[in-house]
Every structure is written in structure tokens, then in C-alpha cells.
Amino acid sequence: MSSPYRGPLERIDESRWRIPRSYKPEMRVDGVIYADEALMETIKQDSSPEQVANVACLPGIVQHSLAMPDIHWGYGFCIGGVAATDPEQGGVVSPGGVGYDINCGVRLLRTNLTVDDVKPHLAGLIDRLFDAVPCGVGRGGQVKFKRGEMKHLLEQGSAYVVNRGFGWNSDLETTEAGGGLPGARPDFVSNRAYERGATQCGTLGSGNHFLEVQVVDQVDDPASAAALGLEEGHVTVMIHSGSRGLGYQVCDDALKDLRNTPRKYGIELPDRQLVCAPVRSPEGERYLGAMRAAANFAWANRQIMTHLAREVFAAVFAPPGGGAEKLGMSLVYDVAHNIAKMEPYEVEGKMTKLCVHRKGATRAFPPGHPELPQRYRAIGQPVLVPGDMGRYSYVLVGRPAAMEQTFGSCCHGAGRRMSRGAAIRAAKGRSIHRELLDRGVIARARGRNGLDEEQPEAYKDVLEVVDVCHNSGISHRVARLKPLGVIKG
């Protein structure tokens, strides 16, 4: 398990620390952690920096093994870990660099509604959302897919469910990768994964997943906020979920299938949780094909929940004969947090397609990047950073330094500072529901410990994390979102 880090840390500047490759003979590159001094004191309390050093030992790794300021201990890679490998140099793909919840991610909807419009109806709105959007451990939903339909969904992602009426065509434009990764291989997904996913597309799940009604309570960059459709005093909806049981099973299957693969290819690992395969190998291609299918499932999952949330808002607020369109409920953006993608970067003066692992990290492409929707080309990619349910979340945009330093990556959230068990123990004798009400937040949770393990004190202050990304130049702060009501598993 995790223990305090005792290895070397060299300060590079106010936002970065180096773990020198001399720390371990197997390290191929330095480790670099983004943090200020205060955050680093928290980060050193677990083994996550050791994991950064371990990832630096992977074959084909390029430039650095990276960690964002929301870093904390995880399986294989730390949460907040970023690593790019070069397939032409024996670069590997590691399921531990993606995680169990493949394409866990966040999407943000804006509305024309003001906080004054919503406040009188807030309790009823949260109750209706809680009833409409299935949440909780293992819980299925009303939307079910047969095996043949699931195959198309895993191939196409969001586009498949939008074409079936669960959303708008404009949603695809503002979803990372258009809501679907090419190269998905549904035939590489096990029967057990199909079974687990059959009733879970359009469901929230449990743990840190949530659907939150928020208000834009501070705008730091008016021009970028306007381009994103965000206006102070207006209500937004943030949805955080992933690939549910299907993605978990894909990861679990891969970890078992790849157990002996490193030995086959002569790969020595400092941690068996970093089990991997060369990208250019049958085993690597099999994992990537299944992972892409699970990622597409996750985008479809969030898309269906978007549709369900729009239906609830329309029922509560739309004028007679109107729908969510009348409320201006367009999708600002959807970003993946746990994924491995092939992306081009300049390496030693040459454009090279790398396998970029982001595990608890968000893509943060800068202005002008060709993958961005035309409407966002001038400002950069929206970066959605949820905080805890008692304080605030942030919207940022990507900056050129991200391409130069972090393979176009940024933080993905506040990052835990307490384990779930520690949070539950800390909540003993308290009512987290009442404490949230005192902060003006209405919360509903399906599980007995849902609010306890996700209490605000379990997380770092997201502003501290966002400030490191802003000050380092990899992203730029645009707006702050304050929670009004939240549903959790």
C-alpha cells in the first residue's frame, strides 16, 4: 500500500519539481511533478512520487514521466499521471496508465437560466434529477441495448446514441474526439464486459461520480467565457462518469491477459502493476482496441445522461411547447480523464505519433489546434476541473506551454487528500448532508456512505491545484462554478 515518499525532489521553478533519473538505475527519463510548495508537502505523504519514478522506467517513454498537481496514489500510475511512449522506439501501452474506469470524464452544459430562476425550484429539480438519472453501485437504467446494438455503440460512441435521439448533433462537435475513438474493436471486449454494460449506458455509478447543478459565480476571462457561453449568475450542469462495469471489466481482463507479456518481450518492471505490452504488438493492439471500445461506451453513457438531464430541466423550466433548446442547454465541452491516445508531438525536432497515457489528467490543447471545434480555435480547448461538492469547480482553457511541457495535458480535479475509508471515519457523528445544506448545497446520494466518503474535506482545495496549472502556463483560468445541488451514487 501507500507510504510517505523518501526519494529525491529537486525544485525546478515555482510550479515544478524533478525526480532525477539518477534516483533509480532503471529510470529512462526524469520525473516531473507540477505543484507549489504547499501542495508538495501533501503529495509527499503517499507513494505517488515513487510511482512517477517507476513510470519513468517504461520502455520508449519520451521526455518525462509527468504528474499534475492533483496527484495521489493509484494503481500502477499515480492519479494525475501523464506519460507518452514512442511506438517506433519500443514504446509500450500500460492499462495502469489508463485505469479501471476507462474514459472517466466530465462534461459541462450551459443554460440561459439564472440562479434566481432556479433557486425557488432547486429542491424539486434535484429530486427529479435523482429519479431520472440512475446512480449507485451496479445500478442499471431504463436504456438497454442488445448485443448487436452494443457492438455498434462500442464502435461509434456518442454518435450512435445521438442518432437514436439521445442528444443533438452539435453535442458531437464539442466532445473530445467527437465522442468516438477510431480503431475500437468490440470483438476484443469479453462477454462478461458486454453483460455488465448492457444496462449501464446512461447511468452515473458511484464513488466520485456526480451530476451537479452549478452557478457561474466568478468570471476571470470575460472573452473566453463569452466564447464558451458562460455568463456570471447563469446556471450550468456538470456530469462526471465513465465506462461503468464494462470499462472495469476491460481493464481487469487486460491485466490478466498481459500478466506474462513483459517477460515475453524482455521488459523489466519496477512494479508489476505497470504490466504492459509494446504498442506495436498483438497484445498491445488488443488492449488498445478494447480500451477504445470502452472509451466510446463512456462517451455514449455521458451523452444519454445529458439527454435525461435536459428532459428534467425542460419539464421544470421550459415554456409550454418548448424543450431544452429553449433553455439554451448546449454542451460546452466533454473531456476524458482516463485514456491512452495516439497523438502527434514534436520530439527532437521531428513530428512523432506518440501513445499518450492520461490517468486522472485532462487534455488541454492550445489555441489554433486542428482538433478543436472552430468556435474554440481562438481561445483553446476547454478544460473542466471539478472540485468538491462543497466549494467550487473551474473552467480553464489550454495554452501553448501544455504542448511544449505536458503533451497537451492538465489537471483533472482537486485530487483526494483522504482515502474513502478515512473520510467515512472522519464523518462519524456528523451529518454531511446537513453540513452541505448549511453551505447552500442540496445533495442526494444512493449509497449509505456516498456523501461521507465524498465530503469536501476529503479533497484538496481545487483552487490550489488550478493555480499551479495557471501559473505554469499550461492552462488559463476562465470561470469558477459554485455548486447548488448534486446527485451521487
Protein backbone atom coordinates (compact mmCIF):
# COMPACT_ATOMS: atom_id res chain seq x y z
CA MET A 1 0.00 0.00 0.00
CA SER A 2 0.97 3.66 0.02
CA SER A 3 3.57 5.16 2.35
CA PRO A 4 5.38 8.53 2.54
CA TYR A 5 7.85 9.28 -0.27
CA ARG A 6 11.51 9.46 0.84
CA GLY A 7 13.24 9.88 -2.50
CA PRO A 8 14.87 12.98 -4.06
CA LEU A 9 12.93 16.07 -5.20
CA GLU A 10 14.65 18.99 -6.91
CA ARG A 11 12.78 22.24 -7.36
CA ILE A 12 12.77 23.44 -10.99
CA ASP A 13 10.65 26.57 -10.54
CA GLU A 14 7.59 27.74 -8.58
CA SER A 15 5.36 25.15 -10.27
CA ARG A 16 7.59 22.12 -10.98
CA TRP A 17 9.74 19.56 -9.15
CA ARG A 18 12.13 17.00 -10.62
CA ILE A 19 12.79 13.41 -9.62
CA PRO A 20 16.19 12.92 -11.30
CA ARG A 21 16.66 9.83 -13.44
CA SER A 22 19.70 9.05 -11.29
CA TYR A 23 17.29 8.08 -8.47
CA LYS A 24 16.90 4.58 -9.95
CA PRO A 25 19.17 2.85 -12.43
CA GLU A 26 16.12 1.68 -14.44
CA MET A 27 14.78 5.22 -14.99
CA ARG A 28 15.00 6.29 -18.64
CA VAL A 29 13.85 9.90 -18.09
CA ASP A 30 13.32 12.32 -15.21
CA GLY A 31 10.07 12.54 -13.33
CA VAL A 32 8.41 15.98 -13.20
CA ILE A 33 5.64 16.88 -10.74
CA TYR A 34 3.58 20.07 -11.06
CA ALA A 35 2.99 21.51 -7.58
CA ASP A 36 3.71 24.50 -5.39
CA GLU A 37 5.45 24.13 -2.06
CA ALA A 38 2.27 23.71 0.00
CA LEU A 39 0.84 21.04 -2.31
CA MET A 40 4.14 19.19 -2.37
CA GLU A 41 4.01 18.77 1.41
CA THR A 42 0.71 16.91 0.95
CA ILE A 43 1.90 14.96 -2.10
CA LYS A 44 4.92 13.55 -0.24
CA GLN A 45 2.64 11.89 2.32
CA ASP A 46 1.93 8.97 -0.02
CA SER A 47 3.81 6.89 -2.59
CA SER A 48 2.60 8.74 -5.67
CA PRO A 49 6.01 10.36 -6.39
CA GLU A 50 7.52 6.85 -6.26
CA GLN A 51 5.00 5.85 -8.91
CA VAL A 52 6.14 8.78 -11.07
CA ALA A 53 9.69 7.40 -10.83
CA ASN A 54 8.50 3.88 -11.66
CA VAL A 55 6.67 5.06 -14.79
CA ALA A 56 9.94 6.70 -15.91
CA CYS A 57 11.29 3.13 -16.32
CA LEU A 58 8.81 2.15 -19.06
CA PRO A 59 10.30 1.27 -22.47
CA GLY A 60 10.00 4.00 -25.08
CA ILE A 61 8.98 6.75 -22.65
CA VAL A 62 9.61 10.22 -24.07
CA GLN A 63 10.79 13.42 -22.38
CA HIS A 64 9.47 12.97 -18.80
CA SER A 65 7.22 10.95 -16.55
CA LEU A 66 4.73 13.64 -15.52
CA ALA A 67 2.25 14.25 -12.71
CA MET A 68 -0.32 17.01 -12.42
CA PRO A 69 -0.90 18.90 -9.13
CA ASP A 70 -3.92 16.73 -8.22
CA ILE A 71 -1.53 13.75 -7.97
CA HIS A 72 -2.30 10.98 -5.48
CA TRP A 73 -1.60 7.28 -5.20
CA GLY A 74 -3.28 4.94 -7.70
CA TYR A 75 -2.95 1.55 -9.35
CA GLY A 76 0.32 1.42 -11.32
CA PHE A 77 0.41 5.05 -12.42
CA CYS A 78 -0.47 7.70 -9.86
CA ILE A 79 -3.77 9.51 -10.33
CA GLY A 80 -2.73 12.64 -12.20
CA GLY A 81 -0.07 10.77 -14.16
CA VAL A 82 0.86 11.52 -17.78
CA ALA A 83 3.34 9.55 -19.90
CA ALA A 84 3.98 9.40 -23.63
CA THR A 85 5.74 6.48 -25.31
CA ASP A 86 7.12 6.22 -28.83
CA PRO A 87 5.94 3.02 -30.58
CA GLU A 88 8.83 3.26 -33.04
CA GLN A 89 11.27 3.06 -30.11
CA GLY A 90 9.66 0.05 -28.43
CA GLY A 91 7.14 2.22 -26.60
CA VAL A 92 4.54 0.38 -24.53
CA VAL A 93 0.92 0.82 -23.53
CA SER A 94 0.02 0.07 -19.90
CA PRO A 95 -3.54 -0.45 -18.58
CA GLY A 96 -2.30 1.01 -15.28
CA GLY A 97 -1.71 4.26 -17.19
CA VAL A 98 -5.41 4.44 -18.08
CA GLY A 99 -7.08 2.93 -15.04
CA TYR A 100 -10.09 0.76 -14.34
CA ASP A 101 -12.65 3.42 -15.19
CA ILE A 102 -11.70 3.87 -18.84
CA ASN A 103 -12.68 7.34 -20.11
CA CYS A 104 -13.97 8.50 -16.80
CA GLY A 105 -14.57 12.11 -17.79
CA VAL A 106 -16.55 15.30 -17.35
CA ARG A 107 -18.94 17.30 -19.49
CA LEU A 108 -20.43 20.73 -18.91
CA LEU A 109 -23.77 22.09 -20.12
CA ARG A 110 -24.57 25.80 -20.06
CA THR A 111 -28.10 27.25 -19.79
CA ASN A 112 -29.92 30.54 -20.24
CA LEU A 113 -31.35 30.13 -16.74
CA THR A 114 -30.16 32.42 -13.96
CA VAL A 115 -29.65 31.37 -10.37
CA ASP A 116 -32.75 33.40 -9.47
CA ASP A 117 -34.78 31.36 -11.98
CA VAL A 118 -33.60 28.08 -10.49
CA LYS A 119 -33.35 28.71 -6.73
CA PRO A 120 -37.13 28.58 -6.00
CA HIS A 121 -37.35 25.17 -7.73
CA LEU A 122 -33.98 23.76 -6.71
CA ALA A 123 -35.07 21.07 -4.24
CA GLY A 124 -37.66 19.69 -6.64
CA LEU A 125 -35.19 19.86 -9.54
CA ILE A 126 -32.57 17.84 -7.66
CA ASP A 127 -35.19 15.27 -6.64
CA ARG A 128 -36.33 14.88 -10.24
CA LEU A 129 -32.75 14.53 -11.49
CA PHE A 130 -32.12 11.93 -8.78
CA ASP A 131 -35.14 9.96 -10.00
CA ALA A 132 -34.33 10.33 -13.71
CA VAL A 133 -30.58 9.62 -13.76
CA PRO A 134 -29.82 6.15 -12.34
CA CYS A 135 -26.99 6.18 -9.81
CA GLY A 136 -25.42 3.81 -7.31
CA VAL A 137 -23.19 0.73 -7.28
CA GLY A 138 -24.01 -1.64 -10.15
CA ARG A 139 -27.28 0.14 -10.90
CA GLY A 140 -28.72 -0.21 -14.39
CA GLY A 141 -31.02 2.16 -16.23
CA GLN A 142 -34.06 2.20 -18.47
CA VAL A 143 -31.97 2.40 -21.65
CA LYS A 144 -30.90 -1.11 -22.62
CA PHE A 145 -29.00 -2.36 -25.65
CA LYS A 146 -28.98 -5.79 -27.30
CA ARG A 147 -25.66 -7.41 -28.20
CA GLY A 148 -25.76 -6.24 -31.83
CA GLU A 149 -26.64 -2.70 -30.75
CA MET A 150 -23.85 -2.69 -28.19
CA LYS A 151 -21.37 -3.61 -30.91
CA HIS A 152 -22.36 -0.52 -32.91
CA LEU A 153 -22.28 1.62 -29.77
CA LEU A 154 -18.75 0.45 -28.91
CA GLU A 155 -17.62 1.21 -32.47
CA GLN A 156 -19.25 4.63 -32.78
CA GLY A 157 -19.57 6.10 -29.28
CA SER A 158 -21.72 9.20 -28.83
CA ALA A 159 -22.75 9.35 -32.49
CA TYR A 160 -24.64 6.07 -32.15
CA VAL A 161 -26.88 7.26 -29.31
CA VAL A 162 -27.30 10.77 -30.77
CA ASN A 163 -28.59 9.15 -33.96
CA ARG A 164 -31.09 7.28 -31.79
CA GLY A 165 -32.45 10.51 -30.35
CA PHE A 166 -30.32 10.90 -27.21
CA GLY A 167 -28.93 14.34 -27.90
CA TRP A 168 -28.15 16.91 -30.56
CA ASN A 169 -25.70 16.74 -33.46
CA SER A 170 -23.96 19.81 -32.03
CA ASP A 171 -23.02 17.72 -28.97
CA LEU A 172 -20.58 15.72 -31.09
CA GLU A 173 -18.71 18.84 -32.17
CA THR A 174 -17.97 19.80 -28.58
CA THR A 175 -16.97 16.34 -27.34
CA GLU A 176 -13.31 15.31 -27.29
CA ALA A 177 -12.59 13.15 -30.35
CA GLY A 178 -16.16 13.75 -31.49
CA GLY A 179 -17.26 11.28 -28.83
CA GLY A 180 -15.67 8.27 -30.53
CA LEU A 181 -12.15 6.88 -30.94
CA PRO A 182 -11.34 5.22 -34.27
CA GLY A 183 -9.82 1.79 -34.03
CA ALA A 184 -12.26 0.49 -31.43
CA ARG A 185 -12.55 -3.31 -31.52
CA PRO A 186 -15.79 -4.56 -29.95
CA ASP A 187 -14.68 -8.12 -30.80
CA PHE A 188 -11.83 -7.69 -28.29
CA VAL A 189 -14.33 -6.97 -25.48
CA SER A 190 -15.22 -10.01 -23.36
CA ASN A 191 -18.69 -11.46 -22.95
CA ARG A 192 -18.58 -10.56 -19.27
CA ALA A 193 -17.88 -6.90 -20.14
CA TYR A 194 -20.82 -6.89 -22.58
CA GLU A 195 -23.06 -8.32 -19.87
CA ARG A 196 -22.00 -5.70 -17.34
CA GLY A 197 -22.52 -2.83 -19.77
CA ALA A 198 -25.84 -3.93 -21.28
CA THR A 199 -27.98 -1.95 -18.81
CA GLN A 200 -25.47 0.63 -17.58
CA CYS A 201 -25.25 3.08 -20.50
CA GLY A 202 -26.92 6.23 -19.24
CA THR A 203 -26.12 5.65 -15.55
CA LEU A 204 -23.98 7.63 -13.15
CA GLY A 205 -22.44 4.92 -10.99
CA SER A 206 -20.93 5.54 -7.57
CA GLY A 207 -17.74 6.81 -5.90
CA ASN A 208 -16.72 10.26 -7.05
CA HIS A 209 -19.16 10.32 -9.96
CA PHE A 210 -21.81 13.02 -9.84
CA LEU A 211 -24.30 15.21 -11.62
CA GLU A 212 -24.11 18.77 -10.28
CA VAL A 213 -26.23 21.86 -10.84
CA GLN A 214 -24.00 24.92 -10.53
CA VAL A 215 -23.90 28.67 -10.97
CA VAL A 216 -21.14 30.66 -12.67
CA ASP A 217 -20.17 32.81 -9.70
CA GLN A 218 -16.90 34.31 -10.99
CA VAL A 219 -15.52 35.10 -14.45
CA ASP A 220 -11.75 35.59 -14.74
CA ASP A 221 -11.52 35.85 -18.54
CA PRO A 222 -14.67 37.52 -19.99
CA ALA A 223 -13.71 36.98 -23.64
CA SER A 224 -13.10 33.24 -23.25
CA ALA A 225 -16.18 32.85 -21.04
CA ALA A 226 -18.31 34.52 -23.70
CA ALA A 227 -16.93 32.18 -26.37
CA LEU A 228 -17.88 29.24 -24.14
CA GLY A 229 -21.37 30.63 -23.50
CA LEU A 230 -20.70 31.14 -19.78
CA GLU A 231 -22.13 34.19 -18.04
CA GLU A 232 -21.91 35.18 -14.40
CA GLY A 233 -25.08 34.31 -12.50
CA HIS A 234 -26.17 31.69 -15.03
CA VAL A 235 -26.72 28.01 -14.24
CA THR A 236 -24.62 25.13 -15.57
CA VAL A 237 -24.79 21.34 -15.27
CA MET A 238 -21.68 19.18 -14.84
CA ILE A 239 -21.72 15.40 -15.33
CA HIS A 240 -18.84 13.19 -14.15
CA SER A 241 -18.93 9.49 -15.02
CA GLY A 242 -17.17 6.85 -17.09
CA SER A 243 -17.46 3.41 -18.63
CA ARG A 244 -19.04 1.72 -15.58
CA GLY A 245 -18.79 -2.07 -15.27
CA LEU A 246 -17.89 -2.55 -18.91
CA GLY A 247 -14.73 -0.45 -18.63
CA TYR A 248 -13.79 -2.03 -15.32
CA GLN A 249 -14.06 -5.47 -16.88
CA VAL A 250 -12.00 -4.47 -19.93
CA CYS A 251 -9.20 -3.31 -17.63
CA ASP A 252 -9.46 -6.37 -15.40
CA ASP A 253 -9.34 -8.68 -18.42
CA ALA A 254 -6.31 -6.84 -19.82
CA LEU A 255 -4.35 -7.03 -16.56
CA LYS A 256 -4.85 -10.81 -16.53
CA ASP A 257 -4.13 -11.25 -20.25
CA LEU A 258 -0.91 -9.19 -20.07
CA ARG A 259 0.42 -10.83 -16.92
CA ASN A 260 3.25 -12.63 -18.73
CA THR A 261 3.67 -10.24 -21.66
CA PRO A 262 6.56 -8.16 -20.22
CA ARG A 263 8.66 -11.32 -19.82
CA LYS A 264 7.85 -12.34 -23.41
CA TYR A 265 9.29 -9.06 -24.72
CA GLY A 266 12.17 -8.85 -22.26
CA ILE A 267 10.67 -5.92 -20.32
CA GLU A 268 11.76 -5.48 -16.68
CA LEU A 269 9.33 -3.55 -14.49
CA PRO A 270 9.88 -1.96 -11.06
CA ASP A 271 6.21 -2.57 -10.19
CA ARG A 272 4.07 -5.42 -11.52
CA GLN A 273 1.08 -3.06 -11.55
CA LEU A 274 2.75 -1.42 -14.58
CA VAL A 275 2.16 -4.57 -16.65
CA CYS A 276 2.35 -3.51 -20.30
CA ALA A 277 2.87 -4.52 -23.92
CA PRO A 278 4.61 -2.84 -26.84
CA VAL A 279 2.14 -0.66 -28.73
CA ARG A 280 3.26 -2.44 -31.90
CA SER A 281 2.44 -5.95 -30.73
CA PRO A 282 -0.65 -8.18 -30.94
CA GLU A 283 -1.12 -7.82 -27.18
CA GLY A 284 -0.79 -4.03 -27.27
CA GLU A 285 -3.16 -3.72 -30.21
CA ARG A 286 -5.67 -5.97 -28.49
CA TYR A 287 -5.70 -3.84 -25.34
CA LEU A 288 -5.93 -0.58 -27.29
CA GLY A 289 -8.81 -1.93 -29.38
CA ALA A 290 -10.78 -2.96 -26.30
CA MET A 291 -9.88 0.24 -24.42
CA ARG A 292 -11.12 2.40 -27.32
CA ALA A 293 -14.40 0.47 -27.33
CA ALA A 294 -14.80 1.10 -23.58
CA ALA A 295 -13.94 4.79 -24.10
CA ASN A 296 -16.69 5.02 -26.72
CA PHE A 297 -19.11 3.41 -24.27
CA ALA A 298 -18.25 6.11 -21.71
CA TRP A 299 -18.93 8.93 -24.14
CA ALA A 300 -22.28 7.35 -25.05
CA ASN A 301 -23.00 6.97 -21.33
CA ARG A 302 -22.48 10.68 -20.62
CA GLN A 303 -24.43 11.55 -23.76
CA ILE A 304 -27.51 9.65 -22.59
CA MET A 305 -27.31 11.28 -19.16
CA THR A 306 -27.13 14.65 -20.91
CA HIS A 307 -30.39 13.80 -22.65
CA LEU A 308 -32.01 12.74 -19.35
CA ALA A 309 -30.88 15.95 -17.62
CA ARG A 310 -32.23 18.06 -20.46
CA GLU A 311 -35.59 16.32 -20.21
CA VAL A 312 -35.80 17.12 -16.50
CA PHE A 313 -34.84 20.77 -16.97
CA ALA A 314 -37.35 21.12 -19.81
CA ALA A 315 -40.12 19.63 -17.65
CA VAL A 316 -39.37 22.08 -14.83
CA PHE A 317 -38.42 25.28 -16.67
CA ALA A 318 -39.29 25.21 -20.38
CA PRO A 319 -42.30 27.23 -21.61
CA PRO A 320 -45.29 25.28 -22.95
CA GLY A 321 -44.33 23.63 -26.21
CA GLY A 322 -40.66 24.31 -25.58
CA GLY A 323 -37.80 22.00 -24.76
CA ALA A 324 -34.20 22.12 -23.63
CA GLU A 325 -33.34 24.07 -26.79
CA LYS A 326 -35.41 26.98 -25.44
CA LEU A 327 -33.29 26.87 -22.28
CA GLY A 328 -30.04 27.08 -24.24
CA MET A 329 -28.77 23.79 -22.79
CA SER A 330 -25.88 23.34 -25.19
CA LEU A 331 -22.81 21.26 -24.43
CA VAL A 332 -19.80 23.43 -23.62
CA TYR A 333 -17.38 20.50 -23.80
CA ASP A 334 -16.70 16.90 -22.76
CA VAL A 335 -13.19 15.76 -21.77
CA ALA A 336 -11.74 12.33 -20.98
CA HIS A 337 -9.69 11.75 -17.82
CA ASN A 338 -8.54 8.14 -18.15
CA ILE A 339 -7.39 7.24 -21.65
CA ALA A 340 -4.47 6.35 -23.93
CA LYS A 341 -4.47 8.06 -27.32
CA MET A 342 -2.20 8.27 -30.34
CA GLU A 343 -1.30 11.95 -30.79
CA PRO A 344 1.44 13.77 -32.76
CA TYR A 345 4.12 15.76 -30.89
CA GLU A 346 7.48 17.19 -31.78
CA VAL A 347 10.30 15.02 -30.45
CA GLU A 348 13.86 16.17 -31.12
CA GLY A 349 12.66 18.38 -33.97
CA LYS A 350 10.53 15.69 -35.64
CA MET A 351 6.76 15.20 -35.51
CA THR A 352 6.17 11.78 -33.99
CA LYS A 353 2.94 9.96 -33.18
CA LEU A 354 3.10 9.01 -29.51
CA CYS A 355 0.92 6.88 -27.24
CA VAL A 356 -0.13 9.40 -24.59
CA HIS A 357 -1.41 7.95 -21.31
CA ARG A 358 -3.56 10.30 -19.23
CA LYS A 359 -4.62 8.76 -15.92
CA GLY A 360 -6.56 11.35 -13.95
CA ALA A 361 -5.43 14.09 -16.33
CA THR A 362 -7.24 16.21 -18.91
CA ARG A 363 -6.31 17.09 -22.47
CA ALA A 364 -5.53 20.84 -22.74
CA PHE A 365 -4.86 21.73 -26.37
CA PRO A 366 -3.91 25.38 -27.10
CA PRO A 367 -5.48 27.97 -29.43
CA GLY A 368 -5.22 27.03 -33.09
CA HIS A 369 -5.01 23.27 -32.55
CA PRO A 370 -6.64 21.48 -35.51
CA GLU A 371 -8.61 19.07 -33.29
CA LEU A 372 -10.56 21.91 -31.65
CA PRO A 373 -14.03 22.97 -32.79
CA GLN A 374 -13.86 26.10 -34.96
CA ARG A 375 -15.72 28.08 -32.29
CA TYR A 376 -12.90 27.43 -29.78
CA ARG A 377 -9.86 27.76 -32.09
CA ALA A 378 -9.18 31.32 -30.91
CA ILE A 379 -9.28 30.56 -27.16
CA GLY A 380 -8.02 26.99 -26.77
CA GLN A 381 -9.65 23.80 -25.60
CA PRO A 382 -12.00 24.00 -22.61
CA VAL A 383 -10.52 22.20 -19.59
CA LEU A 384 -13.11 21.16 -17.00
CA VAL A 385 -11.79 20.77 -13.45
CA PRO A 386 -14.36 19.63 -10.88
CA GLY A 387 -13.66 20.40 -7.24
CA ASP A 388 -15.55 19.04 -4.27
CA MET A 389 -19.29 19.33 -3.77
CA GLY A 390 -18.99 21.97 -1.06
CA ARG A 391 -16.74 24.55 -2.71
CA TYR A 392 -16.33 25.11 -6.47
CA SER A 393 -15.17 23.81 -9.84
CA TYR A 394 -13.24 25.61 -12.57
CA VAL A 395 -13.24 26.03 -16.32
CA LEU A 396 -9.86 26.69 -17.92
CA VAL A 397 -8.55 26.71 -21.49
CA GLY A 398 -5.40 25.08 -22.81
CA ARG A 399 -2.24 27.07 -23.55
CA PRO A 400 0.82 26.52 -25.83
CA ALA A 401 3.04 25.56 -22.87
CA ALA A 402 0.96 22.40 -22.48
CA MET A 403 2.14 21.18 -25.88
CA GLU A 404 5.75 22.02 -25.00
CA GLN A 405 5.79 20.59 -21.46
CA THR A 406 2.97 18.11 -20.75
CA PHE A 407 1.91 16.51 -24.05
CA GLY A 408 -1.13 18.79 -24.13
CA SER A 409 -2.26 17.82 -20.63
CA CYS A 410 -3.56 19.48 -17.47
CA CYS A 411 -5.06 18.53 -14.08
CA HIS A 412 -8.44 16.78 -13.91
CA GLY A 413 -9.79 17.71 -10.47
CA ALA A 414 -8.91 18.62 -6.91
CA GLY A 415 -7.33 15.28 -6.02
CA ARG A 416 -8.06 13.32 -2.87
CA ARG A 417 -6.27 14.09 0.37
CA MET A 418 -8.12 11.43 2.39
CA SER A 419 -8.86 7.84 1.44
CA ARG A 420 -12.50 6.83 1.26
CA GLY A 421 -12.17 4.84 4.47
CA ALA A 422 -10.55 7.77 6.27
CA ALA A 423 -13.30 10.09 5.02
CA ILE A 424 -16.01 7.76 6.32
CA ARG A 425 -14.29 7.60 9.71
CA ALA A 426 -13.95 11.40 9.78
CA ALA A 427 -17.69 11.75 9.11
CA LYS A 428 -18.68 9.64 12.11
CA GLY A 429 -21.13 11.51 14.31
CA ARG A 430 -21.65 14.21 11.69
CA SER A 431 -24.32 14.83 9.05
CA ILE A 432 -22.55 15.68 5.79
CA HIS A 433 -25.97 16.28 4.24
CA ARG A 434 -26.72 18.96 6.85
CA GLU A 435 -23.25 20.49 6.54
CA LEU A 436 -23.74 20.82 2.79
CA LEU A 437 -27.17 22.40 3.31
CA ASP A 438 -25.52 24.95 5.59
CA ARG A 439 -23.24 25.80 2.64
CA GLY A 440 -26.28 26.18 0.39
CA VAL A 441 -25.88 22.84 -1.43
CA ILE A 442 -28.68 20.27 -1.73
CA ALA A 443 -27.23 16.75 -2.03
CA ARG A 444 -28.82 13.39 -2.77
CA ALA A 445 -26.93 10.08 -2.62
CA ARG A 446 -28.00 6.49 -3.25
CA GLY A 447 -25.40 4.73 -1.11
CA ARG A 448 -25.20 4.86 2.67
CA ASN A 449 -21.67 6.28 2.66
CA GLY A 450 -21.87 8.26 -0.60
CA LEU A 451 -21.81 11.71 0.98
CA ASP A 452 -19.44 10.72 3.80
CA GLU A 453 -16.66 9.42 1.54
CA GLU A 454 -17.04 12.39 -0.82
CA GLN A 455 -17.22 15.12 1.83
CA PRO A 456 -15.42 18.35 0.87
CA GLU A 457 -12.63 17.78 3.40
CA ALA A 458 -11.65 14.56 1.57
CA TYR A 459 -10.27 16.68 -1.27
CA LYS A 460 -7.60 19.31 -1.77
CA ASP A 461 -8.81 22.83 -2.45
CA VAL A 462 -9.22 22.81 -6.24
CA LEU A 463 -8.15 26.45 -6.45
CA GLU A 464 -4.65 25.50 -5.22
CA VAL A 465 -4.45 22.86 -7.94
CA VAL A 466 -5.81 25.14 -10.67
CA ASP A 467 -3.44 27.95 -9.68
CA VAL A 468 -0.42 25.71 -10.31
CA CYS A 469 -1.68 24.93 -13.82
CA HIS A 470 -2.48 28.59 -14.45
CA ASN A 471 0.83 29.89 -13.11
CA SER A 472 2.86 27.30 -15.02
CA GLY A 473 1.25 28.42 -18.28
CA ILE A 474 -0.17 25.04 -19.32
CA SER A 475 -3.73 26.36 -18.93
CA HIS A 476 -5.54 29.61 -18.26
CA ARG A 477 -8.31 30.22 -15.72
CA VAL A 478 -11.67 31.29 -17.23
CA ALA A 479 -14.52 30.87 -14.76
CA ARG A 480 -15.48 29.45 -11.36
CA LEU A 481 -18.62 27.34 -10.86
CA LYS A 482 -20.28 27.06 -7.45
CA PRO A 483 -22.44 24.01 -6.62
CA LEU A 484 -26.15 24.47 -5.92
CA GLY A 485 -27.25 20.83 -5.88
CA VAL A 486 -25.67 17.46 -6.54
CA ILE A 487 -26.70 13.82 -7.01
CA LYS A 488 -24.28 10.99 -6.26
CA GLY A 489 -24.27 7.22 -6.21
